[in-house]
Amino acid sequence: MVNSVSYKKNDFYLFIIFAIPYMIPSGLLYISGFFSVLASIKFIFFPFLILFCMNNGKARISKFMFSVILFMLTLLIITIYKNGDVTAAIKQFIDYLYPIFWMEHILDNYERPMLRLILQYFGLLCVANVLIAVILPEGIARSGTNIIYLLGLDNKISFTYIPIFALSLMYIEKFCNKDRKLLFYIISIIVFTASNVLVWAVGGLMGFSLMLMLWFANFYMSKLHTLRKLINFRSCIIAVAIVCYLVVFSKIFQKGILADFIVNVLHKTVSFSSRTVLWEQAITKVKKSLYIGYGLTKTTLFDFAFFNRNGILKGFSSHNGYLRLLLEGGIVLLVMYFNMLFSVTRGKIKECSEHKEVQALIFGTAGFLLACIFEAEYCSAYFLMLLTAIHYYLNKKI
């Protein structure tokens, strides 16, 4: 028994070490090469992580993991066919599988202590990020026109804190005593809201706001079971897809009350800080290779420009994650991406409305996907951890 407990304890510490590459605040990667090297150690850790999981009989291929592998194989094949950056595609393959294997193992073996440790750590990082944003409005560094804070580029911080906030709500709902839940909810909301408001990035702001609205509404709809059933994983994805179409392909946000809201409340232009210019260029390029895109290359991602008083500014991304998907792999890759998302709850849609823990994660997914409309991102390690948790809980007794 002592040896078993000791082994379990050593196992726990080993998985803390395995988590290190994803625990480095993104902002530090911009100020020192040391942190970039430390983050890259995941490529050395990866085979050991797989071997360890296999040795413990936990390296199973779930529906969700299989769909992720299918998505990445599709991107890799397209990249090879289009003479793209194969090394980058392989690295991204590892980047996607690593957090899934890690998350599944910790949920199986030491869910509560590991989640508590990781969430406390990120909670402290968020507090530090808020303090830095207050004390150093210009951040710890700059990348072009973007400000860099502790948690990363101002426009991309949301891709870290939205999944982490969702996991925090899930943890509070699942593990905290009723007497302390409200206090922890208030603290979490204040910290993450402050970080979001101080950065004031349109994508993160809208994604985080959507997540909060859905979460608050969930409490008021506790007795309206039929209505709660409508707000599930699938309906959230469909709703975000509709919003993406309206924002990117129609002119609905450029006039009337919606335009007033963007200008007077969000303090942004109706072009979403010139994003519409980049979207139009990206759409034009997508049409030239609609079905399989261009593969994974730097020129594919940073091939756009816009005009200002100083002339033409080049080297910008599409500033839309779904257009980026179409650029990298066309309609084929976009279909594989949504197959990956839908595989999370496949056959378990009814169960989504039965557990508040899972709903908190689903609302985080909706917020993340909405934020992707305004930045050239469609995934992150933390988002994959969130999706892994949803799939895990829906297929296990909570």
Protein backbone atom coordinates (compact mmCIF):
# COMPACT_ATOMS: atom_id res chain seq x y z
CA MET A 1 0.00 0.00 0.00
CA VAL A 2 2.84 2.40 0.88
CA ASN A 3 4.58 1.66 -2.42
CA SER A 4 1.30 2.28 -4.28
CA VAL A 5 0.82 5.65 -2.57
CA SER A 6 4.44 6.59 -3.18
CA TYR A 7 4.15 5.65 -6.87
CA LYS A 8 0.97 7.72 -7.19
CA LYS A 9 2.72 10.69 -5.60
CA ASN A 10 5.71 10.39 -7.95
CA ASP A 11 3.29 10.07 -10.86
CA PHE A 12 1.62 13.33 -9.76
CA TYR A 13 4.93 15.22 -9.68
CA LEU A 14 5.91 13.77 -13.05
CA PHE A 15 2.76 15.17 -14.62
CA ILE A 16 3.47 18.57 -13.09
CA ILE A 17 6.79 18.43 -14.98
CA PHE A 18 4.98 17.37 -18.16
CA ALA A 19 2.76 20.47 -17.76
CA ILE A 20 5.68 22.94 -17.64
CA PRO A 21 5.78 23.74 -21.41
CA TYR A 22 2.17 24.97 -21.23
CA MET A 23 2.50 26.79 -17.92
CA ILE A 24 4.94 29.43 -19.20
CA PRO A 25 3.16 32.81 -19.55
CA SER A 26 3.07 33.63 -23.27
CA GLY A 27 4.33 37.17 -22.67
CA LEU A 28 7.69 35.85 -21.45
CA LEU A 29 8.29 34.18 -24.82
CA TYR A 30 8.64 37.66 -26.34
CA ILE A 31 11.26 38.95 -23.92
CA SER A 32 13.70 36.04 -23.57
CA GLY A 33 14.80 33.16 -25.76
CA PHE A 34 15.23 31.05 -22.63
CA PHE A 35 11.48 30.75 -22.17
CA SER A 36 11.02 29.81 -25.84
CA VAL A 37 13.53 26.99 -25.39
CA LEU A 38 11.76 25.91 -22.20
CA ALA A 39 8.42 25.85 -24.02
CA SER A 40 9.94 23.77 -26.82
CA ILE A 41 10.89 21.03 -24.37
CA LYS A 42 7.42 19.60 -24.99
CA PHE A 43 8.78 17.99 -28.17
CA ILE A 44 11.25 16.06 -26.00
CA PHE A 45 8.63 15.28 -23.35
CA PHE A 46 6.00 14.10 -25.83
CA PRO A 47 7.28 10.53 -26.51
CA PHE A 48 7.82 9.99 -22.76
CA LEU A 49 4.27 11.19 -22.06
CA ILE A 50 2.88 8.71 -24.60
CA LEU A 51 5.04 5.85 -23.31
CA PHE A 52 4.00 6.56 -19.73
CA CYS A 53 0.29 6.60 -20.63
CA MET A 54 0.68 3.37 -22.63
CA ASN A 55 2.51 1.70 -19.76
CA ASN A 56 -0.39 2.60 -17.49
CA GLY A 57 -2.99 1.42 -19.97
CA LYS A 58 -4.37 4.94 -20.45
CA ALA A 59 -3.23 5.71 -24.00
CA ARG A 60 -6.65 4.98 -25.45
CA ILE A 61 -7.97 6.68 -28.54
CA SER A 62 -11.29 8.35 -27.74
CA LYS A 63 -13.73 9.61 -30.37
CA PHE A 64 -12.51 13.12 -29.73
CA MET A 65 -8.81 12.23 -29.96
CA PHE A 66 -9.42 10.27 -33.16
CA SER A 67 -11.14 13.31 -34.73
CA VAL A 68 -8.19 15.53 -33.70
CA ILE A 69 -5.75 13.06 -35.31
CA LEU A 70 -7.91 13.04 -38.45
CA PHE A 71 -7.92 16.85 -38.51
CA MET A 72 -4.14 17.06 -38.15
CA LEU A 73 -3.49 14.30 -40.72
CA THR A 74 -5.64 16.25 -43.18
CA LEU A 75 -3.63 19.42 -42.57
CA LEU A 76 -0.34 17.48 -42.85
CA ILE A 77 -1.32 15.84 -46.14
CA ILE A 78 -2.49 19.14 -47.63
CA THR A 79 0.72 20.84 -46.46
CA ILE A 80 2.86 18.12 -48.09
CA TYR A 81 0.82 18.31 -51.32
CA LYS A 82 1.14 22.11 -51.43
CA ASN A 83 4.89 22.08 -50.60
CA GLY A 84 4.23 23.89 -47.35
CA ASP A 85 6.06 23.86 -44.03
CA VAL A 86 5.90 20.16 -43.10
CA THR A 87 7.99 20.69 -39.95
CA ALA A 88 5.47 23.25 -38.68
CA ALA A 89 2.61 20.80 -39.41
CA ILE A 90 4.34 18.02 -37.44
CA LYS A 91 5.00 20.41 -34.54
CA GLN A 92 1.35 21.43 -34.56
CA PHE A 93 0.39 17.73 -34.55
CA ILE A 94 2.33 17.25 -31.31
CA ASP A 95 0.98 20.52 -29.92
CA TYR A 96 -2.56 19.20 -30.34
CA LEU A 97 -2.08 15.67 -28.98
CA TYR A 98 0.10 16.56 -25.99
CA PRO A 99 -2.52 18.48 -23.94
CA ILE A 100 -5.19 15.86 -24.71
CA PHE A 101 -3.10 12.95 -23.40
CA TRP A 102 -2.05 15.03 -20.39
CA MET A 103 -5.59 16.15 -19.55
CA GLU A 104 -7.13 12.70 -19.90
CA HIS A 105 -4.51 11.20 -17.58
CA ILE A 106 -4.89 13.77 -14.82
CA LEU A 107 -8.70 13.55 -14.94
CA ASP A 108 -8.41 9.78 -14.61
CA ASN A 109 -5.92 9.79 -11.75
CA TYR A 110 -5.73 13.01 -9.72
CA GLU A 111 -8.42 15.29 -11.05
CA ARG A 112 -9.03 17.49 -8.01
CA PRO A 113 -5.46 18.18 -6.74
CA MET A 114 -3.98 18.77 -10.20
CA LEU A 115 -6.83 21.00 -11.39
CA ARG A 116 -6.68 22.96 -8.14
CA LEU A 117 -2.92 23.47 -8.51
CA ILE A 118 -3.09 24.51 -12.17
CA LEU A 119 -6.08 26.82 -11.69
CA GLN A 120 -4.54 28.49 -8.63
CA TYR A 121 -1.37 29.06 -10.66
CA PHE A 122 -3.26 30.65 -13.55
CA GLY A 123 -5.35 32.65 -11.10
CA LEU A 124 -2.15 34.21 -9.74
CA LEU A 125 -0.96 34.87 -13.30
CA CYS A 126 -4.23 36.66 -14.08
CA VAL A 127 -3.89 38.82 -10.96
CA ALA A 128 -0.30 39.64 -11.97
CA ASN A 129 -1.49 40.41 -15.50
CA VAL A 130 -4.09 42.86 -14.13
CA LEU A 131 -1.46 44.60 -11.99
CA ILE A 132 0.93 44.87 -14.93
CA ALA A 133 -1.84 46.29 -17.13
CA VAL A 134 -2.55 48.94 -14.47
CA ILE A 135 1.07 49.81 -13.62
CA LEU A 136 2.47 49.40 -17.14
CA PRO A 137 -0.26 50.34 -19.64
CA GLU A 138 2.27 49.85 -22.44
CA GLY A 139 2.90 46.29 -21.28
CA ILE A 140 6.21 44.48 -20.76
CA ALA A 141 7.08 44.63 -24.48
CA ARG A 142 5.62 45.39 -27.89
CA SER A 143 5.20 43.43 -31.12
CA GLY A 144 4.52 45.88 -33.91
CA THR A 145 1.39 47.78 -32.91
CA ASN A 146 0.38 45.20 -30.31
CA ILE A 147 1.03 45.44 -26.58
CA ILE A 148 2.42 42.39 -24.79
CA TYR A 149 1.36 41.65 -21.24
CA LEU A 150 2.38 38.77 -18.98
CA LEU A 151 -0.21 36.42 -20.50
CA GLY A 152 0.77 37.36 -24.05
CA LEU A 153 -0.25 39.56 -26.97
CA ASP A 154 -3.16 41.85 -26.05
CA ASN A 155 -5.42 40.51 -28.83
CA LYS A 156 -4.65 36.86 -28.03
CA ILE A 157 -4.79 36.70 -24.23
CA SER A 158 -8.42 35.58 -24.49
CA PHE A 159 -7.35 32.26 -26.01
CA THR A 160 -5.72 31.46 -22.68
CA TYR A 161 -8.05 32.96 -20.11
CA ILE A 162 -11.43 31.96 -21.61
CA PRO A 163 -10.70 28.19 -21.35
CA ILE A 164 -9.03 28.66 -17.95
CA PHE A 165 -12.01 30.67 -16.67
CA ALA A 166 -14.38 27.94 -17.89
CA LEU A 167 -12.33 25.28 -16.11
CA SER A 168 -12.37 27.46 -12.98
CA LEU A 169 -16.17 27.68 -13.01
CA MET A 170 -16.35 23.93 -13.53
CA TYR A 171 -13.99 23.29 -10.61
CA ILE A 172 -15.93 25.60 -8.26
CA GLU A 173 -19.23 23.98 -9.22
CA LYS A 174 -17.90 20.45 -8.86
CA PHE A 175 -15.64 20.60 -5.81
CA CYS A 176 -16.34 23.66 -3.65
CA ASN A 177 -18.72 23.62 -0.69
CA LYS A 178 -22.02 25.46 -1.12
CA ASP A 179 -21.03 27.96 1.57
CA ARG A 180 -17.91 28.98 -0.34
CA LYS A 181 -19.11 28.72 -3.93
CA LEU A 182 -20.49 32.24 -4.20
CA LEU A 183 -17.27 33.79 -2.84
CA PHE A 184 -15.08 31.84 -5.27
CA TYR A 185 -17.42 32.67 -8.17
CA ILE A 186 -17.20 36.40 -7.36
CA ILE A 187 -13.41 36.33 -7.03
CA SER A 188 -12.99 34.45 -10.33
CA ILE A 189 -15.37 36.75 -12.20
CA ILE A 190 -13.70 39.90 -10.87
CA VAL A 191 -10.16 38.73 -11.71
CA PHE A 192 -10.92 37.50 -15.23
CA THR A 193 -13.23 40.42 -16.03
CA ALA A 194 -10.60 42.94 -14.90
CA SER A 195 -7.98 41.27 -17.10
CA ASN A 196 -10.37 41.34 -20.04
CA VAL A 197 -11.53 44.94 -19.61
CA LEU A 198 -8.02 46.36 -19.10
CA VAL A 199 -6.75 44.73 -22.30
CA TRP A 200 -9.94 45.70 -24.19
CA ALA A 201 -9.46 43.41 -27.20
CA VAL A 202 -12.66 43.15 -29.22
CA GLY A 203 -12.51 39.39 -29.75
CA GLY A 204 -11.76 38.54 -26.15
CA LEU A 205 -14.28 41.08 -24.89
CA MET A 206 -17.13 39.63 -26.94
CA GLY A 207 -16.18 36.01 -26.30
CA PHE A 208 -15.85 36.52 -22.56
CA SER A 209 -19.11 38.51 -22.44
CA LEU A 210 -20.97 35.73 -24.26
CA MET A 211 -19.60 33.14 -21.85
CA LEU A 212 -20.66 35.17 -18.81
CA MET A 213 -24.14 35.84 -20.19
CA LEU A 214 -24.72 32.16 -20.90
CA TRP A 215 -23.43 31.20 -17.47
CA PHE A 216 -25.63 33.71 -15.63
CA ALA A 217 -28.64 32.75 -17.76
CA ASN A 218 -28.02 29.11 -16.87
CA PHE A 219 -28.78 29.83 -13.22
CA TYR A 220 -32.01 31.68 -13.97
CA MET A 221 -33.13 28.89 -16.30
CA SER A 222 -32.61 26.13 -13.75
CA LYS A 223 -36.37 25.41 -13.70
CA LEU A 224 -36.84 25.87 -17.45
CA HIS A 225 -35.50 22.48 -18.46
CA THR A 226 -36.75 22.68 -22.06
CA LEU A 227 -35.03 26.02 -22.64
CA ARG A 228 -31.82 24.75 -21.02
CA LYS A 229 -31.81 21.85 -23.45
CA LEU A 230 -31.74 24.29 -26.35
CA ILE A 231 -28.51 25.88 -25.09
CA ASN A 232 -26.19 22.95 -25.68
CA PHE A 233 -22.82 22.35 -27.31
CA ARG A 234 -24.24 21.89 -30.81
CA SER A 235 -26.53 24.95 -30.70
CA CYS A 236 -23.66 27.14 -29.41
CA ILE A 237 -21.44 26.11 -32.34
CA ILE A 238 -24.24 26.74 -34.86
CA ALA A 239 -24.99 30.15 -33.30
CA VAL A 240 -21.32 31.19 -33.53
CA ALA A 241 -21.21 30.03 -37.16
CA ILE A 242 -24.21 32.24 -37.95
CA VAL A 243 -22.62 35.22 -36.19
CA CYS A 244 -19.40 34.61 -38.13
CA TYR A 245 -21.32 34.71 -41.40
CA LEU A 246 -23.13 37.92 -40.43
CA VAL A 247 -19.94 39.65 -39.25
CA VAL A 248 -17.54 38.57 -42.00
CA PHE A 249 -19.72 38.13 -45.09
CA SER A 250 -22.58 40.61 -44.58
CA LYS A 251 -22.76 44.34 -43.85
CA ILE A 252 -25.17 44.00 -40.91
CA PHE A 253 -22.69 45.37 -38.36
CA GLN A 254 -21.77 48.41 -40.40
CA LYS A 255 -25.03 50.34 -39.98
CA GLY A 256 -27.86 51.02 -37.57
CA ILE A 257 -27.98 50.21 -33.87
CA LEU A 258 -25.28 47.54 -34.12
CA ALA A 259 -22.85 50.03 -35.62
CA ASP A 260 -23.68 52.49 -32.80
CA PHE A 261 -22.95 49.78 -30.22
CA ILE A 262 -19.57 48.99 -31.77
CA VAL A 263 -18.53 52.65 -31.98
CA ASN A 264 -20.00 54.07 -28.76
CA VAL A 265 -19.77 51.09 -26.38
CA LEU A 266 -16.84 49.01 -27.64
CA HIS A 267 -15.01 52.12 -28.89
CA LYS A 268 -14.10 50.35 -32.13
CA THR A 269 -14.71 51.28 -35.76
CA VAL A 270 -17.42 49.52 -37.77
CA SER A 271 -14.58 47.87 -39.69
CA PHE A 272 -13.49 46.27 -36.39
CA SER A 273 -10.15 48.12 -36.41
CA SER A 274 -9.69 47.52 -40.19
CA ARG A 275 -10.34 43.77 -39.88
CA THR A 276 -12.96 43.90 -42.65
CA VAL A 277 -10.23 45.00 -45.08
CA LEU A 278 -8.15 41.95 -44.17
CA TRP A 279 -11.19 39.67 -44.33
CA GLU A 280 -11.97 40.78 -47.88
CA GLN A 281 -8.40 40.03 -48.99
CA ALA A 282 -8.48 36.64 -47.27
CA ILE A 283 -11.81 35.73 -48.89
CA THR A 284 -10.39 36.62 -52.32
CA LYS A 285 -7.41 34.34 -51.71
CA VAL A 286 -9.59 31.53 -50.34
CA LYS A 287 -11.66 31.48 -53.54
CA LYS A 288 -8.50 30.71 -55.57
CA SER A 289 -8.01 27.41 -53.71
CA LEU A 290 -11.39 26.82 -52.13
CA TYR A 291 -11.31 23.08 -51.48
CA ILE A 292 -7.84 22.34 -50.08
CA GLY A 293 -6.34 25.76 -49.36
CA TYR A 294 -2.59 26.36 -49.40
CA GLY A 295 -1.24 24.22 -46.58
CA LEU A 296 0.63 25.44 -43.53
CA THR A 297 3.02 28.26 -44.48
CA LYS A 298 4.02 31.62 -43.02
CA THR A 299 3.08 33.38 -46.25
CA THR A 300 -0.41 31.91 -46.03
CA LEU A 301 -0.92 33.34 -42.57
CA PHE A 302 0.76 36.76 -42.93
CA ASP A 303 -0.06 37.67 -46.51
CA PHE A 304 -2.40 40.61 -46.03
CA ALA A 305 -2.16 44.39 -45.77
CA PHE A 306 -4.18 47.52 -45.14
CA PHE A 307 -3.75 51.23 -45.75
CA ASN A 308 -3.34 54.12 -43.31
CA ARG A 309 -1.83 57.61 -43.31
CA ASN A 310 1.68 56.14 -43.45
CA GLY A 311 0.96 54.06 -46.54
CA ILE A 312 0.60 50.31 -46.98
CA LEU A 313 1.18 48.15 -43.91
CA LYS A 314 2.01 44.56 -44.87
CA GLY A 315 2.49 41.27 -43.06
CA PHE A 316 -0.88 40.95 -41.35
CA SER A 317 -2.89 37.79 -40.72
CA SER A 318 -6.49 37.24 -41.79
CA HIS A 319 -7.64 38.19 -38.26
CA ASN A 320 -10.26 35.44 -38.45
CA GLY A 321 -9.68 31.88 -37.34
CA TYR A 322 -12.17 30.36 -39.77
CA LEU A 323 -10.71 32.17 -42.75
CA ARG A 324 -7.32 30.91 -41.57
CA LEU A 325 -8.71 27.36 -41.62
CA LEU A 326 -9.92 27.88 -45.18
CA LEU A 327 -6.54 29.31 -46.19
CA GLU A 328 -4.63 26.40 -44.66
CA GLY A 329 -6.87 23.55 -45.80
CA GLY A 330 -9.93 24.85 -47.62
CA ILE A 331 -13.41 23.45 -47.15
CA VAL A 332 -11.93 20.00 -46.46
CA LEU A 333 -10.05 21.19 -43.37
CA LEU A 334 -12.99 23.33 -42.21
CA VAL A 335 -15.22 20.22 -42.30
CA MET A 336 -12.58 18.26 -40.34
CA TYR A 337 -12.45 21.07 -37.76
CA PHE A 338 -16.19 21.04 -37.14
CA ASN A 339 -16.12 17.24 -37.09
CA MET A 340 -13.52 17.58 -34.32
CA LEU A 341 -15.79 19.92 -32.37
CA PHE A 342 -18.95 17.85 -32.79
CA SER A 343 -17.12 14.66 -31.81
CA VAL A 344 -16.78 16.08 -28.28
CA THR A 345 -20.48 15.54 -27.52
CA ARG A 346 -21.42 12.99 -30.21
CA GLY A 347 -24.20 10.81 -28.85
CA LYS A 348 -24.27 12.77 -25.59
CA ILE A 349 -26.17 15.97 -26.46
CA LYS A 350 -28.97 15.24 -24.00
CA GLU A 351 -26.50 14.91 -21.13
CA CYS A 352 -25.14 18.44 -21.77
CA SER A 353 -28.04 20.09 -19.94
CA GLU A 354 -27.91 17.74 -16.95
CA HIS A 355 -24.66 18.91 -15.36
CA LYS A 356 -23.73 22.50 -14.52
CA GLU A 357 -20.05 21.50 -14.53
CA VAL A 358 -20.24 20.50 -18.19
CA GLN A 359 -22.34 23.55 -19.09
CA ALA A 360 -19.66 25.89 -17.73
CA LEU A 361 -17.17 24.24 -20.11
CA ILE A 362 -19.62 24.43 -23.02
CA PHE A 363 -20.16 28.15 -22.43
CA GLY A 364 -16.37 28.57 -22.43
CA THR A 365 -16.27 26.79 -25.79
CA ALA A 366 -18.88 29.20 -27.20
CA GLY A 367 -16.90 32.20 -25.94
CA PHE A 368 -13.65 30.88 -27.40
CA LEU A 369 -15.20 30.19 -30.81
CA LEU A 370 -16.74 33.68 -30.89
CA ALA A 371 -13.34 35.24 -30.12
CA CYS A 372 -11.90 33.33 -33.10
CA ILE A 373 -14.02 35.47 -35.42
CA PHE A 374 -11.80 38.46 -34.67
CA GLU A 375 -8.34 36.85 -34.50
CA ALA A 376 -6.50 34.38 -36.73
CA GLU A 377 -6.74 31.60 -34.14
CA TYR A 378 -8.95 28.53 -34.07
CA CYS A 379 -7.38 26.44 -31.34
CA SER A 380 -5.01 26.48 -28.35
CA ALA A 381 -3.63 23.97 -25.86
CA TYR A 382 -6.01 25.29 -23.19
CA PHE A 383 -8.97 25.02 -25.54
CA LEU A 384 -8.06 21.38 -26.24
CA MET A 385 -7.88 20.76 -22.48
CA LEU A 386 -11.36 22.25 -22.16
CA LEU A 387 -12.76 20.08 -24.98
CA THR A 388 -11.06 17.01 -23.50
CA ALA A 389 -12.73 17.73 -20.16
CA ILE A 390 -16.18 18.02 -21.79
CA HIS A 391 -15.73 14.71 -23.62
CA TYR A 392 -14.36 13.03 -20.52
CA TYR A 393 -17.20 14.10 -18.21
CA LEU A 394 -19.93 13.27 -20.70
CA ASN A 395 -18.56 9.74 -21.04
CA LYS A 396 -17.89 9.23 -17.33
CA LYS A 397 -20.07 9.53 -14.27
CA ILE A 398 -19.36 12.97 -12.84
